[in-house]
Structures are given as structure tokens and as C-alpha cells.
N, C-alpha and C. Protein backbone atom coordinates (compact mmCIF):
# COMPACT_ATOMS: atom_id res chain seq x y z
N MET A 1 11.77 4.05 8.95
CA MET A 1 10.77 5.11 9.00
C MET A 1 9.95 4.94 10.27
N ASN A 2 9.51 6.06 10.78
CA ASN A 2 8.67 6.06 11.97
C ASN A 2 7.78 7.30 11.91
N LEU A 3 6.63 7.18 11.27
CA LEU A 3 5.66 8.26 11.20
C LEU A 3 4.56 7.97 12.21
N ILE A 4 4.24 8.95 13.03
CA ILE A 4 3.28 8.74 14.10
C ILE A 4 2.04 9.60 13.87
N GLY A 5 0.89 8.94 13.86
CA GLY A 5 -0.38 9.62 13.70
C GLY A 5 -1.19 9.56 14.99
N LYS A 6 -2.47 9.82 14.88
CA LYS A 6 -3.35 9.77 16.05
C LYS A 6 -3.62 8.35 16.49
N LYS A 7 -3.89 7.45 15.52
CA LYS A 7 -4.24 6.08 15.84
C LYS A 7 -3.22 5.06 15.36
N ILE A 8 -2.31 5.48 14.48
CA ILE A 8 -1.39 4.52 13.87
C ILE A 8 0.06 5.02 13.87
N ILE A 9 0.93 4.06 13.64
CA ILE A 9 2.35 4.33 13.41
C ILE A 9 2.71 3.63 12.10
N ILE A 10 3.44 4.32 11.26
CA ILE A 10 4.01 3.69 10.08
C ILE A 10 5.47 3.44 10.41
N ARG A 11 5.86 2.16 10.38
CA ARG A 11 7.20 1.79 10.81
C ARG A 11 7.74 0.65 9.95
N ASP A 12 9.00 0.32 10.17
CA ASP A 12 9.63 -0.79 9.46
C ASP A 12 9.06 -2.12 9.93
N PHE A 13 9.21 -3.14 9.09
CA PHE A 13 8.77 -4.49 9.44
C PHE A 13 9.68 -5.09 10.50
N GLN A 14 9.11 -5.93 11.35
CA GLN A 14 9.84 -6.65 12.39
C GLN A 14 9.45 -8.12 12.34
N LYS A 15 10.32 -8.99 12.84
CA LYS A 15 10.02 -10.43 12.88
C LYS A 15 8.73 -10.69 13.66
N GLU A 16 8.49 -9.89 14.70
CA GLU A 16 7.31 -10.07 15.54
C GLU A 16 6.00 -9.80 14.80
N ASP A 17 6.08 -9.22 13.62
CA ASP A 17 4.89 -8.94 12.82
C ASP A 17 4.36 -10.18 12.11
N PHE A 18 5.11 -11.29 12.16
CA PHE A 18 4.76 -12.44 11.34
C PHE A 18 3.32 -12.92 11.51
N PRO A 19 2.79 -13.09 12.72
CA PRO A 19 1.40 -13.61 12.81
C PRO A 19 0.39 -12.76 12.04
N GLU A 20 0.48 -11.45 12.17
CA GLU A 20 -0.46 -10.57 11.45
C GLU A 20 -0.13 -10.52 9.96
N PHE A 21 1.16 -10.54 9.62
CA PHE A 21 1.57 -10.56 8.22
C PHE A 21 1.02 -11.81 7.54
N PHE A 22 1.13 -12.95 8.21
CA PHE A 22 0.65 -14.21 7.65
C PHE A 22 -0.86 -14.16 7.40
N LYS A 23 -1.60 -13.52 8.30
CA LYS A 23 -3.05 -13.37 8.10
C LYS A 23 -3.34 -12.57 6.82
N LEU A 24 -2.53 -11.54 6.58
CA LEU A 24 -2.72 -10.73 5.39
C LEU A 24 -2.46 -11.51 4.11
N VAL A 25 -1.34 -12.25 4.07
CA VAL A 25 -0.97 -12.93 2.82
C VAL A 25 -1.74 -14.22 2.59
N GLN A 26 -2.41 -14.76 3.60
CA GLN A 26 -3.20 -15.95 3.36
C GLN A 26 -4.68 -15.63 3.11
N ASP A 27 -5.00 -14.36 3.04
CA ASP A 27 -6.34 -13.91 2.68
C ASP A 27 -6.34 -13.60 1.18
N LYS A 28 -6.91 -14.50 0.39
CA LYS A 28 -6.87 -14.37 -1.07
C LYS A 28 -7.53 -13.08 -1.55
N THR A 29 -8.48 -12.58 -0.80
CA THR A 29 -9.13 -11.32 -1.18
C THR A 29 -8.11 -10.18 -1.26
N ASN A 30 -7.12 -10.18 -0.37
CA ASN A 30 -6.09 -9.14 -0.41
C ASN A 30 -5.27 -9.22 -1.69
N HIS A 31 -5.07 -10.43 -2.19
CA HIS A 31 -4.38 -10.60 -3.47
C HIS A 31 -5.27 -10.10 -4.61
N ASP A 32 -6.51 -10.51 -4.60
CA ASP A 32 -7.42 -10.17 -5.69
C ASP A 32 -7.70 -8.68 -5.76
N LEU A 33 -7.84 -8.01 -4.62
CA LEU A 33 -8.23 -6.60 -4.60
C LEU A 33 -7.05 -5.62 -4.50
N ALA A 34 -5.93 -6.07 -3.94
CA ALA A 34 -4.82 -5.14 -3.73
C ALA A 34 -3.51 -5.61 -4.33
N GLY A 35 -3.49 -6.81 -4.90
CA GLY A 35 -2.26 -7.29 -5.52
C GLY A 35 -1.23 -7.82 -4.54
N LEU A 36 -1.60 -7.97 -3.28
CA LEU A 36 -0.68 -8.50 -2.28
C LEU A 36 -0.37 -9.96 -2.60
N GLU A 37 0.85 -10.38 -2.36
CA GLU A 37 1.22 -11.78 -2.58
C GLU A 37 0.28 -12.67 -1.78
N TYR A 38 -0.03 -13.83 -2.33
CA TYR A 38 -0.91 -14.77 -1.65
C TYR A 38 -0.17 -16.07 -1.40
N THR A 39 -0.28 -16.59 -0.18
CA THR A 39 0.24 -17.91 0.13
C THR A 39 -0.42 -18.45 1.40
N ALA A 40 -0.59 -19.75 1.43
CA ALA A 40 -1.04 -20.43 2.65
C ALA A 40 0.12 -21.21 3.26
N ASP A 41 1.29 -21.11 2.63
CA ASP A 41 2.50 -21.81 3.07
C ASP A 41 3.25 -20.94 4.07
N GLU A 42 3.32 -21.38 5.31
CA GLU A 42 3.94 -20.58 6.37
C GLU A 42 5.42 -20.30 6.09
N ASN A 43 6.15 -21.28 5.56
CA ASN A 43 7.57 -21.06 5.25
C ASN A 43 7.75 -20.00 4.18
N PHE A 44 6.93 -20.08 3.14
CA PHE A 44 7.00 -19.07 2.09
C PHE A 44 6.62 -17.69 2.64
N ALA A 45 5.65 -17.66 3.54
CA ALA A 45 5.24 -16.39 4.16
C ALA A 45 6.40 -15.78 4.95
N HIS A 46 7.19 -16.62 5.62
CA HIS A 46 8.38 -16.09 6.31
C HIS A 46 9.34 -15.46 5.31
N ASN A 47 9.51 -16.10 4.16
CA ASN A 47 10.37 -15.54 3.11
C ASN A 47 9.82 -14.21 2.60
N LEU A 48 8.50 -14.14 2.44
CA LEU A 48 7.88 -12.88 2.02
C LEU A 48 8.11 -11.77 3.04
N LEU A 49 7.96 -12.10 4.32
CA LEU A 49 8.19 -11.09 5.35
C LEU A 49 9.63 -10.58 5.29
N GLU A 50 10.57 -11.49 5.12
CA GLU A 50 11.98 -11.07 5.00
C GLU A 50 12.18 -10.17 3.78
N MET A 51 11.48 -10.48 2.69
CA MET A 51 11.56 -9.63 1.50
C MET A 51 11.04 -8.23 1.81
N TYR A 52 9.90 -8.17 2.51
CA TYR A 52 9.35 -6.86 2.87
C TYR A 52 10.28 -6.10 3.82
N GLN A 53 10.97 -6.81 4.70
CA GLN A 53 11.92 -6.16 5.61
C GLN A 53 13.06 -5.51 4.83
N ARG A 54 13.44 -6.09 3.71
CA ARG A 54 14.55 -5.56 2.90
C ARG A 54 14.09 -4.51 1.89
N ARG A 55 12.83 -4.49 1.57
CA ARG A 55 12.32 -3.63 0.51
C ARG A 55 12.26 -2.17 0.94
N ASP A 56 12.94 -1.31 0.20
CA ASP A 56 12.83 0.13 0.44
C ASP A 56 11.41 0.56 0.10
N GLY A 57 10.84 1.35 0.94
CA GLY A 57 9.53 1.90 0.65
C GLY A 57 8.36 1.08 1.14
N ALA A 58 8.60 -0.07 1.79
CA ALA A 58 7.51 -0.90 2.31
C ALA A 58 7.50 -0.81 3.83
N PHE A 59 6.31 -0.58 4.40
CA PHE A 59 6.21 -0.33 5.83
C PHE A 59 4.97 -0.99 6.43
N VAL A 60 5.02 -1.18 7.73
CA VAL A 60 3.90 -1.70 8.50
C VAL A 60 3.03 -0.53 8.94
N ILE A 61 1.73 -0.75 8.89
CA ILE A 61 0.78 0.14 9.54
C ILE A 61 0.44 -0.57 10.85
N ALA A 62 0.76 0.07 11.97
CA ALA A 62 0.53 -0.55 13.28
C ALA A 62 -0.34 0.36 14.14
N GLN A 63 -1.14 -0.27 15.00
CA GLN A 63 -1.92 0.52 15.95
C GLN A 63 -0.96 1.23 16.89
N LYS A 64 -1.22 2.48 17.14
CA LYS A 64 -0.34 3.28 17.99
C LYS A 64 -0.30 2.75 19.42
N ASP A 65 -1.43 2.36 19.96
CA ASP A 65 -1.50 1.93 21.36
C ASP A 65 -0.86 0.57 21.62
N THR A 66 -0.98 -0.34 20.65
CA THR A 66 -0.53 -1.72 20.89
C THR A 66 0.66 -2.14 20.03
N ASP A 67 0.99 -1.38 19.01
CA ASP A 67 2.02 -1.69 18.02
C ASP A 67 1.66 -2.93 17.20
N GLN A 68 0.40 -3.36 17.23
CA GLN A 68 -0.04 -4.51 16.44
C GLN A 68 -0.18 -4.10 14.98
N MET A 69 0.37 -4.91 14.10
CA MET A 69 0.28 -4.68 12.66
C MET A 69 -1.18 -4.80 12.22
N VAL A 70 -1.65 -3.79 11.46
CA VAL A 70 -3.00 -3.84 10.91
C VAL A 70 -2.97 -3.84 9.38
N GLY A 71 -1.81 -3.53 8.81
CA GLY A 71 -1.73 -3.49 7.35
C GLY A 71 -0.34 -3.17 6.87
N ILE A 72 -0.26 -2.98 5.57
CA ILE A 72 0.99 -2.66 4.87
C ILE A 72 0.74 -1.42 4.03
N ILE A 73 1.74 -0.54 3.98
CA ILE A 73 1.68 0.61 3.08
C ILE A 73 3.04 0.73 2.41
N GLU A 74 3.01 1.10 1.14
CA GLU A 74 4.25 1.24 0.38
C GLU A 74 4.28 2.58 -0.31
N MET A 75 5.49 3.11 -0.45
CA MET A 75 5.72 4.30 -1.25
C MET A 75 6.93 3.99 -2.13
N ASN A 76 6.64 3.62 -3.36
CA ASN A 76 7.67 3.12 -4.27
C ASN A 76 8.07 4.15 -5.32
N LYS A 77 9.34 4.11 -5.68
CA LYS A 77 9.83 4.94 -6.78
C LYS A 77 9.18 4.46 -8.07
N ARG A 78 8.99 5.40 -8.98
CA ARG A 78 8.33 5.09 -10.24
C ARG A 78 9.31 4.95 -11.39
N GLY A 79 10.58 5.21 -11.13
CA GLY A 79 11.58 5.11 -12.19
C GLY A 79 12.79 5.94 -11.86
N ALA A 80 13.83 5.80 -12.67
CA ALA A 80 15.08 6.50 -12.41
C ALA A 80 15.31 7.69 -13.32
N SER A 81 14.42 7.93 -14.27
CA SER A 81 14.61 9.08 -15.16
C SER A 81 14.34 10.37 -14.39
N ASN A 82 14.93 11.46 -14.86
CA ASN A 82 14.83 12.74 -14.16
C ASN A 82 13.39 13.18 -13.92
N ASP A 83 12.50 12.93 -14.89
CA ASP A 83 11.12 13.39 -14.73
C ASP A 83 10.32 12.54 -13.75
N LEU A 84 10.87 11.41 -13.29
CA LEU A 84 10.17 10.56 -12.32
C LEU A 84 10.79 10.60 -10.92
N LEU A 85 11.93 11.26 -10.78
CA LEU A 85 12.63 11.25 -9.49
C LEU A 85 11.80 11.83 -8.35
N LEU A 86 10.98 12.80 -8.65
CA LEU A 86 10.18 13.44 -7.60
C LEU A 86 8.74 12.95 -7.59
N THR A 87 8.56 11.69 -8.02
CA THR A 87 7.24 11.07 -7.97
C THR A 87 7.35 9.74 -7.23
N ARG A 88 6.24 9.32 -6.65
CA ARG A 88 6.18 8.02 -5.98
C ARG A 88 4.79 7.44 -6.21
N GLU A 89 4.67 6.13 -5.97
CA GLU A 89 3.36 5.48 -6.03
C GLU A 89 3.08 4.85 -4.67
N ILE A 90 1.90 5.12 -4.16
CA ILE A 90 1.46 4.58 -2.87
C ILE A 90 0.56 3.36 -3.11
N GLY A 91 0.76 2.35 -2.29
CA GLY A 91 -0.13 1.19 -2.27
C GLY A 91 -0.36 0.79 -0.83
N PHE A 92 -1.52 0.21 -0.54
CA PHE A 92 -1.81 -0.15 0.84
C PHE A 92 -2.83 -1.27 0.90
N VAL A 93 -2.79 -2.00 1.99
CA VAL A 93 -3.77 -3.05 2.27
C VAL A 93 -3.94 -3.13 3.78
N ILE A 94 -5.18 -3.28 4.20
CA ILE A 94 -5.52 -3.37 5.62
C ILE A 94 -6.14 -4.74 5.88
N ASN A 95 -5.73 -5.37 6.97
CA ASN A 95 -6.33 -6.64 7.40
C ASN A 95 -7.83 -6.44 7.53
N ARG A 96 -8.61 -7.40 7.04
CA ARG A 96 -10.07 -7.23 6.98
C ARG A 96 -10.70 -6.92 8.34
N LYS A 97 -10.13 -7.43 9.45
CA LYS A 97 -10.76 -7.15 10.75
C LYS A 97 -10.50 -5.72 11.23
N PHE A 98 -9.61 -5.00 10.55
CA PHE A 98 -9.30 -3.62 10.93
C PHE A 98 -9.82 -2.60 9.92
N ARG A 99 -10.57 -3.05 8.93
CA ARG A 99 -11.08 -2.13 7.90
C ARG A 99 -12.20 -1.26 8.47
N ASN A 100 -12.41 -0.13 7.81
CA ASN A 100 -13.47 0.82 8.16
C ASN A 100 -13.29 1.41 9.56
N GLN A 101 -12.02 1.55 9.97
CA GLN A 101 -11.71 2.17 11.26
C GLN A 101 -10.81 3.40 11.10
N GLY A 102 -10.58 3.80 9.85
CA GLY A 102 -9.78 5.00 9.59
C GLY A 102 -8.29 4.76 9.47
N PHE A 103 -7.84 3.52 9.56
CA PHE A 103 -6.39 3.25 9.50
C PHE A 103 -5.81 3.55 8.11
N ALA A 104 -6.52 3.18 7.06
CA ALA A 104 -6.02 3.44 5.70
C ALA A 104 -5.95 4.94 5.44
N LYS A 105 -7.01 5.64 5.79
CA LYS A 105 -7.04 7.09 5.54
C LYS A 105 -5.90 7.79 6.27
N GLU A 106 -5.71 7.48 7.53
CA GLU A 106 -4.65 8.14 8.29
C GLU A 106 -3.27 7.77 7.75
N SER A 107 -3.08 6.52 7.36
CA SER A 107 -1.80 6.07 6.83
C SER A 107 -1.45 6.76 5.52
N VAL A 108 -2.41 6.79 4.60
CA VAL A 108 -2.16 7.43 3.31
C VAL A 108 -1.90 8.92 3.51
N GLN A 109 -2.66 9.57 4.39
CA GLN A 109 -2.45 11.00 4.64
C GLN A 109 -1.06 11.25 5.22
N LEU A 110 -0.61 10.40 6.14
CA LEU A 110 0.74 10.55 6.69
C LEU A 110 1.80 10.43 5.60
N LEU A 111 1.64 9.47 4.69
CA LEU A 111 2.62 9.32 3.61
C LEU A 111 2.55 10.47 2.61
N ILE A 112 1.38 10.98 2.35
CA ILE A 112 1.25 12.16 1.48
C ILE A 112 2.02 13.33 2.10
N ASP A 113 1.77 13.60 3.37
CA ASP A 113 2.45 14.70 4.05
C ASP A 113 3.97 14.49 4.04
N TYR A 114 4.41 13.28 4.34
CA TYR A 114 5.83 12.95 4.32
C TYR A 114 6.41 13.14 2.92
N GLY A 115 5.71 12.64 1.93
CA GLY A 115 6.20 12.75 0.55
C GLY A 115 6.35 14.17 0.08
N PHE A 116 5.34 14.99 0.31
CA PHE A 116 5.39 16.37 -0.17
C PHE A 116 6.27 17.26 0.71
N ASN A 117 6.25 17.06 2.02
CA ASN A 117 6.98 17.95 2.93
C ASN A 117 8.42 17.53 3.22
N GLU A 118 8.69 16.24 3.25
CA GLU A 118 10.04 15.76 3.57
C GLU A 118 10.84 15.34 2.34
N LEU A 119 10.17 14.70 1.40
CA LEU A 119 10.87 14.23 0.19
C LEU A 119 10.77 15.24 -0.95
N ASN A 120 9.96 16.28 -0.76
CA ASN A 120 9.74 17.32 -1.78
C ASN A 120 9.24 16.75 -3.10
N LEU A 121 8.36 15.77 -3.01
CA LEU A 121 7.78 15.19 -4.21
C LEU A 121 6.87 16.20 -4.89
N THR A 122 6.68 16.01 -6.19
CA THR A 122 5.75 16.86 -6.94
C THR A 122 4.47 16.10 -7.29
N GLU A 123 4.55 14.75 -7.31
CA GLU A 123 3.39 13.94 -7.64
C GLU A 123 3.40 12.65 -6.82
N ILE A 124 2.21 12.23 -6.44
CA ILE A 124 2.03 10.92 -5.81
C ILE A 124 0.92 10.21 -6.56
N TRP A 125 1.22 9.01 -7.01
CA TRP A 125 0.28 8.18 -7.76
C TRP A 125 -0.25 7.08 -6.86
N ALA A 126 -1.38 6.53 -7.22
CA ALA A 126 -1.94 5.35 -6.56
C ALA A 126 -2.79 4.61 -7.59
N SER A 127 -2.88 3.31 -7.43
CA SER A 127 -3.72 2.54 -8.34
C SER A 127 -4.64 1.63 -7.53
N SER A 128 -5.68 1.19 -8.19
CA SER A 128 -6.66 0.32 -7.55
C SER A 128 -7.26 -0.60 -8.61
N GLU A 129 -7.50 -1.84 -8.23
CA GLU A 129 -8.24 -2.72 -9.12
C GLU A 129 -9.56 -2.03 -9.45
N LYS A 130 -10.00 -2.16 -10.70
CA LYS A 130 -11.19 -1.43 -11.17
C LYS A 130 -12.41 -1.63 -10.29
N ASP A 131 -12.61 -2.84 -9.79
CA ASP A 131 -13.81 -3.14 -9.01
C ASP A 131 -13.63 -2.94 -7.50
N ASN A 132 -12.50 -2.43 -7.07
CA ASN A 132 -12.24 -2.22 -5.65
C ASN A 132 -12.61 -0.78 -5.28
N GLN A 133 -13.87 -0.57 -4.98
CA GLN A 133 -14.41 0.77 -4.76
C GLN A 133 -13.87 1.48 -3.51
N ALA A 134 -13.60 0.73 -2.45
CA ALA A 134 -13.20 1.37 -1.18
C ALA A 134 -11.94 2.22 -1.32
N PRO A 135 -10.83 1.72 -1.88
CA PRO A 135 -9.67 2.59 -1.99
C PRO A 135 -9.88 3.73 -2.98
N GLN A 136 -10.70 3.52 -4.00
CA GLN A 136 -10.96 4.59 -4.95
C GLN A 136 -11.66 5.76 -4.27
N LYS A 137 -12.65 5.45 -3.44
CA LYS A 137 -13.35 6.50 -2.69
C LYS A 137 -12.40 7.21 -1.73
N LEU A 138 -11.53 6.43 -1.08
CA LEU A 138 -10.56 7.02 -0.15
C LEU A 138 -9.61 7.95 -0.89
N LEU A 139 -9.08 7.50 -2.01
CA LEU A 139 -8.15 8.34 -2.78
C LEU A 139 -8.81 9.64 -3.21
N GLU A 140 -10.03 9.55 -3.68
CA GLU A 140 -10.75 10.77 -4.10
C GLU A 140 -11.01 11.68 -2.91
N LEU A 141 -11.35 11.12 -1.76
CA LEU A 141 -11.56 11.89 -0.54
C LEU A 141 -10.30 12.66 -0.15
N LEU A 142 -9.13 12.05 -0.39
CA LEU A 142 -7.85 12.67 -0.05
C LEU A 142 -7.32 13.60 -1.15
N GLY A 143 -8.10 13.82 -2.20
CA GLY A 143 -7.73 14.79 -3.23
C GLY A 143 -7.11 14.21 -4.49
N PHE A 144 -6.97 12.88 -4.57
CA PHE A 144 -6.45 12.27 -5.79
C PHE A 144 -7.48 12.40 -6.90
N LYS A 145 -7.00 12.55 -8.13
CA LYS A 145 -7.87 12.64 -9.30
C LYS A 145 -7.67 11.40 -10.16
N TYR A 146 -8.77 10.83 -10.63
CA TYR A 146 -8.71 9.70 -11.56
C TYR A 146 -8.08 10.18 -12.86
N ILE A 147 -7.08 9.41 -13.36
CA ILE A 147 -6.39 9.80 -14.58
C ILE A 147 -6.68 8.85 -15.73
N TYR A 148 -6.48 7.55 -15.52
CA TYR A 148 -6.71 6.60 -16.60
C TYR A 148 -6.86 5.18 -16.06
N GLU A 149 -7.26 4.29 -16.96
CA GLU A 149 -7.43 2.87 -16.66
C GLU A 149 -6.54 2.08 -17.62
N VAL A 150 -5.95 1.00 -17.12
CA VAL A 150 -5.08 0.18 -17.97
C VAL A 150 -5.33 -1.29 -17.66
N ASN A 151 -5.17 -2.13 -18.67
CA ASN A 151 -5.28 -3.57 -18.48
C ASN A 151 -3.88 -4.11 -18.23
N GLN A 152 -3.64 -4.60 -17.01
CA GLN A 152 -2.32 -5.09 -16.64
C GLN A 152 -2.18 -6.61 -16.76
N ALA A 153 -3.15 -7.26 -17.39
CA ALA A 153 -3.07 -8.71 -17.57
C ALA A 153 -1.98 -9.04 -18.59
N LEU A 154 -1.34 -10.17 -18.40
CA LEU A 154 -0.36 -10.64 -19.36
C LEU A 154 -1.10 -11.14 -20.60
N PRO A 155 -0.60 -10.83 -21.80
CA PRO A 155 -1.32 -11.20 -23.03
C PRO A 155 -1.63 -12.68 -23.13
N TYR A 156 -0.72 -13.53 -22.71
CA TYR A 156 -0.93 -14.97 -22.84
C TYR A 156 -1.82 -15.55 -21.74
N ALA A 157 -2.17 -14.75 -20.73
CA ALA A 157 -2.98 -15.25 -19.62
C ALA A 157 -4.46 -15.34 -19.97
N MET A 158 -4.86 -14.70 -21.06
CA MET A 158 -6.25 -14.74 -21.52
C MET A 158 -7.21 -14.28 -20.42
N GLN A 159 -6.85 -13.21 -19.74
CA GLN A 159 -7.71 -12.66 -18.70
C GLN A 159 -7.60 -11.15 -18.73
N SER A 160 -8.46 -10.50 -17.99
CA SER A 160 -8.45 -9.06 -17.90
C SER A 160 -8.12 -8.64 -16.48
N ASN A 161 -7.30 -7.63 -16.31
CA ASN A 161 -6.94 -7.11 -15.00
C ASN A 161 -6.93 -5.58 -15.11
N LEU A 162 -8.10 -4.99 -15.04
CA LEU A 162 -8.22 -3.55 -15.20
C LEU A 162 -7.87 -2.83 -13.90
N VAL A 163 -7.00 -1.83 -14.04
CA VAL A 163 -6.52 -1.06 -12.90
C VAL A 163 -6.74 0.42 -13.20
N LYS A 164 -7.24 1.14 -12.20
CA LYS A 164 -7.44 2.58 -12.31
C LYS A 164 -6.28 3.29 -11.63
N TYR A 165 -5.76 4.33 -12.28
CA TYR A 165 -4.67 5.12 -11.71
C TYR A 165 -5.17 6.50 -11.32
N TYR A 166 -4.70 6.93 -10.13
CA TYR A 166 -5.07 8.22 -9.57
C TYR A 166 -3.81 9.02 -9.30
N LEU A 167 -3.92 10.35 -9.39
CA LEU A 167 -2.78 11.25 -9.22
C LEU A 167 -3.11 12.36 -8.24
N LEU A 168 -2.14 12.67 -7.39
CA LEU A 168 -2.22 13.82 -6.49
C LEU A 168 -0.98 14.66 -6.75
N LYS A 169 -1.18 15.93 -7.08
CA LYS A 169 -0.06 16.84 -7.32
C LYS A 169 0.08 17.80 -6.15
N LYS A 170 1.31 18.22 -5.93
CA LYS A 170 1.59 19.17 -4.85
C LYS A 170 0.96 20.49 -5.15
């Protein structure tokens, strides 16, 4: 994929992205707020990058001028049944030093346009940890509507993991 915006490019992962990718996965806040894998182990991080390179629907958010990775955005299938074929779920995370610069907004808008205009999707979903206000505000700004909240914690983990789901229809 190669989507070009005003300030960013959404593109496939490259080996050269590793330094910025490693910064993302070793920031525990990204795990806690966005569900991104967490590791401080450089070898494991290389394995994660290779996994992202193979994963359909996972892309780098890079600065247009420098091609430097600033984040990750995903557009994943929601299932194989006929009623889910024309739906996708978007997820994103931005490196903390690049937040509040419009990269997330532009990236999500590019994927929305791509999804509705190129893939002919009828629905795009997004979720956010309940206490992560920034993406919730962004989703609402882009026209997503709050639909429901679910606890995604494993029953035996004895913890709560509340997630809010948002929907955008064509």
C-alpha cells in the first residue's frame, strides 16, 4: 500500500523502520493505551517487525518529507462471514514524540477514504481503551459514533479491560 497525504505516507513496513519501531514497542504506554505489543528485548522486537511486515492490513505511518516512521495503522478484516466481508476495523498508534501534530487524524482519514472508495466497504469500526480519551475524541471528530463498551479481560486474569467500540458507516 502507498497512500499519500499532505504530511504523511501510509506504506508497507521496511527493515529500515526498526529503530522507530523499537521505540514504539518498548514504550509500555503504547501497550497499555493501544494494545501494541510490548518488549524491551531487541531480538524479539526484530521478530515483531517481521511479523508486521507479513501481516495483511498493517502499515507504517511515515512523514512524507523524510519517510521516517511515526506510527502504525492497521485495517483488519472482522471475519469471513458474508455480513462482515465489507467491514474493517482500524487501529493506530503514534510515537509519543510525534503526537498532537495531526498524523493520526490524517492517517485515519486516508484509510477511511481508501476503505469506502477503493474497497467499497460499508462499515469501518475502531476501538479504544476506555480511559484513552485522545483516540476517542479523534474518532468522534471524524464522524465515528460510539456504539458499545465491552470487557476484553480474560476471566482468569482477575482484571478489567474495558474497551469502547465506534462505528462509521458509508
